[in-house]
């Protein structure tokens, strides 16, 4: 059986521990928020349409399970993604806007039918690095370092059409079913 003074000490220790935790949690949350806040873009500017055009025109953006191609002629866009039963493809147009945005509007075709989608990415630069985020609420990340690194997302932009064969495969697979 516990005596009264021991119970009081446990209660006092519990109260002290809970008070310490309650006091320190906001500090931990603030540190985590700073860590996840992304880059400081207060002195950055949006890329111009000319800068964006140089980045994307005539290139394919290679993805983990597909690719999208930004054709120069008529600004056509086509892409594929997925494998096997999850394969799909999209065809449409790409365009650039003031404010550093690259967008593509496409009709996506897959096993479950068709749907139209508009996808945009914002691009900012601080004069050295290029930052990107998916609109409207994606997180900012370094798209291209200076000098560019192999691990940069911009390294996945390659000259030429790496999407056309995947689009053809996707069409054939979906028309077969």
Protein backbone atom coordinates (compact mmCIF):
# COMPACT_ATOMS: atom_id res chain seq x y z
CA UNK A 1 0.00 0.00 0.00
CA UNK A 2 1.29 3.47 -0.94
CA UNK A 3 1.49 6.09 1.72
CA UNK A 4 0.07 9.57 1.16
CA UNK A 5 3.40 11.41 0.77
CA UNK A 6 4.53 9.03 -2.00
CA UNK A 7 1.26 9.63 -3.89
CA UNK A 8 1.77 13.37 -3.54
CA UNK A 9 5.35 13.08 -4.88
CA UNK A 10 4.14 11.06 -7.88
CA UNK A 11 1.46 13.63 -8.52
CA UNK A 12 3.96 16.48 -8.19
CA UNK A 13 6.35 14.72 -10.61
CA UNK A 14 3.50 14.06 -13.01
CA UNK A 15 2.43 17.70 -12.87
CA UNK A 16 6.04 18.87 -13.35
CA UNK A 17 6.53 16.52 -16.31
CA UNK A 18 3.27 17.54 -17.95
CA UNK A 19 4.09 21.22 -17.40
CA UNK A 20 7.52 20.77 -19.02
CA UNK A 21 6.02 18.93 -21.98
CA UNK A 22 3.30 21.55 -22.40
CA UNK A 23 5.90 24.31 -22.23
CA UNK A 24 8.29 22.71 -24.73
CA UNK A 25 5.75 21.47 -27.30
CA UNK A 26 5.12 24.89 -28.87
CA UNK A 27 8.88 25.32 -29.27
CA UNK A 28 9.13 21.94 -31.00
CA UNK A 29 6.18 22.81 -33.24
CA UNK A 30 7.76 26.16 -34.16
CA UNK A 31 11.06 24.46 -35.00
CA UNK A 32 9.28 21.84 -37.12
CA UNK A 33 7.25 24.56 -38.87
CA UNK A 34 10.44 26.49 -39.69
CA UNK A 35 12.07 23.32 -40.97
CA UNK A 36 9.06 22.53 -43.22
CA UNK A 37 8.35 26.12 -44.24
CA UNK A 38 10.34 25.69 -47.44
CA UNK A 39 12.80 28.12 -48.96
CA UNK A 40 12.66 31.83 -48.23
CA UNK A 41 11.41 33.32 -51.49
CA UNK A 42 10.96 36.88 -50.21
CA UNK A 43 13.72 38.15 -52.50
CA UNK A 44 12.99 35.73 -55.37
CA UNK A 45 11.19 36.59 -58.58
CA UNK A 46 9.06 34.51 -60.95
CA UNK A 47 10.79 33.14 -64.01
CA UNK A 48 9.93 34.99 -67.21
CA UNK A 49 8.08 33.21 -70.00
CA UNK A 50 11.34 33.34 -72.00
CA UNK A 51 13.24 31.57 -69.20
CA UNK A 52 10.50 28.95 -68.88
CA UNK A 53 10.42 28.40 -72.63
CA UNK A 54 14.18 27.74 -72.66
CA UNK A 55 13.73 25.20 -69.86
CA UNK A 56 10.87 23.17 -71.35
CA UNK A 57 10.56 23.57 -75.14
CA UNK A 58 11.28 20.41 -77.11
CA UNK A 59 12.04 18.47 -73.93
CA UNK A 60 10.56 15.54 -72.09
CA UNK A 61 10.05 15.58 -68.35
CA UNK A 62 10.90 12.08 -67.20
CA UNK A 63 8.77 10.83 -64.31
CA UNK A 64 9.12 7.77 -62.11
CA UNK A 65 6.51 5.89 -64.16
CA UNK A 66 6.20 7.90 -67.36
CA UNK A 67 7.09 11.08 -69.20
CA UNK A 68 5.54 14.22 -70.64
CA UNK A 69 6.74 15.94 -73.82
CA UNK A 70 6.54 19.69 -74.46
CA UNK A 71 6.44 19.90 -78.26
CA UNK A 72 7.46 23.19 -79.88
CA UNK A 73 5.03 22.94 -82.80
CA UNK A 74 1.64 24.29 -81.75
CA UNK A 75 2.73 23.84 -78.11
CA UNK A 76 1.30 20.34 -78.09
CA UNK A 77 1.73 18.19 -74.99
CA UNK A 78 1.48 14.43 -74.64
CA UNK A 79 2.35 12.13 -71.78
CA UNK A 80 1.92 8.68 -70.34
CA UNK A 81 2.12 7.32 -66.85
CA UNK A 82 1.61 4.05 -65.06
CA UNK A 83 2.21 0.45 -66.01
CA UNK A 84 0.13 -2.60 -66.75
CA UNK A 85 -3.52 -2.15 -65.83
CA UNK A 86 -2.80 1.31 -64.42
CA UNK A 87 -1.38 2.77 -67.63
CA UNK A 88 -2.84 5.97 -69.04
CA UNK A 89 -2.00 8.80 -71.38
CA UNK A 90 -2.80 12.45 -71.86
CA UNK A 91 -2.87 14.74 -74.90
CA UNK A 92 -3.34 18.46 -74.99
CA UNK A 93 -1.48 21.77 -74.96
CA UNK A 94 1.15 23.40 -72.79
CA UNK A 95 1.48 27.10 -72.13
CA UNK A 96 3.38 29.63 -70.07
CA UNK A 97 1.99 32.52 -68.06
CA UNK A 98 3.39 35.63 -66.45
CA UNK A 99 4.17 34.88 -62.87
CA UNK A 100 6.48 31.98 -63.73
CA UNK A 101 3.88 29.31 -64.47
CA UNK A 102 4.14 26.33 -66.79
CA UNK A 103 0.76 24.70 -67.38
CA UNK A 104 -0.53 21.82 -69.42
CA UNK A 105 -4.16 21.16 -70.21
CA UNK A 106 -4.79 17.60 -71.31
CA UNK A 107 -7.44 14.97 -71.73
CA UNK A 108 -6.24 11.95 -69.76
CA UNK A 109 -7.32 8.50 -70.83
CA UNK A 110 -7.20 5.43 -68.64
CA UNK A 111 -8.94 2.22 -67.78
CA UNK A 112 -11.70 4.15 -65.99
CA UNK A 113 -12.40 6.49 -68.90
CA UNK A 114 -11.42 10.05 -69.81
CA UNK A 115 -11.03 13.24 -67.82
CA UNK A 116 -9.71 16.70 -68.55
CA UNK A 117 -7.18 18.30 -66.25
CA UNK A 118 -5.23 21.52 -66.00
CA UNK A 119 -1.90 21.14 -64.19
CA UNK A 120 0.36 24.10 -63.39
CA UNK A 121 3.76 24.54 -61.79
CA UNK A 122 5.11 27.83 -60.46
CA UNK A 123 8.81 28.67 -60.87
CA UNK A 124 10.80 31.29 -58.94
CA UNK A 125 14.48 32.13 -58.85
CA UNK A 126 16.71 33.86 -56.35
CA UNK A 127 19.32 34.42 -59.09
CA UNK A 128 21.09 31.15 -58.34
CA UNK A 129 18.54 28.41 -57.74
CA UNK A 130 15.21 27.77 -59.41
CA UNK A 131 12.36 26.76 -57.11
CA UNK A 132 9.21 24.97 -58.22
CA UNK A 133 5.89 23.94 -56.74
CA UNK A 134 2.76 22.32 -58.08
CA UNK A 135 -0.13 24.74 -58.01
CA UNK A 136 -2.21 25.57 -56.12
CA UNK A 137 -0.88 24.17 -52.85
CA UNK A 138 2.25 22.10 -53.42
CA UNK A 139 5.38 22.62 -51.36
CA UNK A 140 8.25 24.67 -52.77
CA UNK A 141 11.42 22.72 -53.52
CA UNK A 142 14.71 23.35 -55.31
CA UNK A 143 14.08 22.52 -58.96
CA UNK A 144 17.58 23.40 -60.14
CA UNK A 145 20.69 24.24 -58.16
CA UNK A 146 23.56 26.30 -59.47
CA UNK A 147 25.51 24.46 -60.68
CA UNK A 148 22.88 21.90 -61.59
CA UNK A 149 23.08 18.55 -59.78
CA UNK A 150 22.12 15.11 -61.05
CA UNK A 151 19.55 14.87 -58.25
CA UNK A 152 17.77 18.08 -59.33
CA UNK A 153 14.28 17.69 -60.76
CA UNK A 154 15.46 19.83 -63.70
CA UNK A 155 17.87 16.99 -64.58
CA UNK A 156 14.80 14.98 -65.57
CA UNK A 157 14.17 17.39 -68.47
CA UNK A 158 15.78 15.85 -71.53
CA UNK A 159 15.85 17.03 -75.14
CA UNK A 160 13.61 14.98 -77.41
CA UNK A 161 10.37 13.06 -77.17
CA UNK A 162 10.65 10.29 -74.57
CA UNK A 163 6.86 10.05 -74.25
CA UNK A 164 5.66 9.07 -77.73
CA UNK A 165 6.38 5.34 -77.42
CA UNK A 166 4.76 5.19 -73.98
CA UNK A 167 1.70 7.04 -75.30
CA UNK A 168 1.46 4.58 -78.23
CA UNK A 169 1.76 1.62 -75.81
CA UNK A 170 -0.91 3.09 -73.55
CA UNK A 171 -3.28 3.67 -76.46
CA UNK A 172 -2.76 0.13 -77.76
CA UNK A 173 -3.28 -1.37 -74.31
CA UNK A 174 -6.41 0.66 -73.59
CA UNK A 175 -7.92 0.01 -77.05
CA UNK A 176 -7.31 -3.72 -76.60
CA UNK A 177 -9.49 -3.85 -73.49
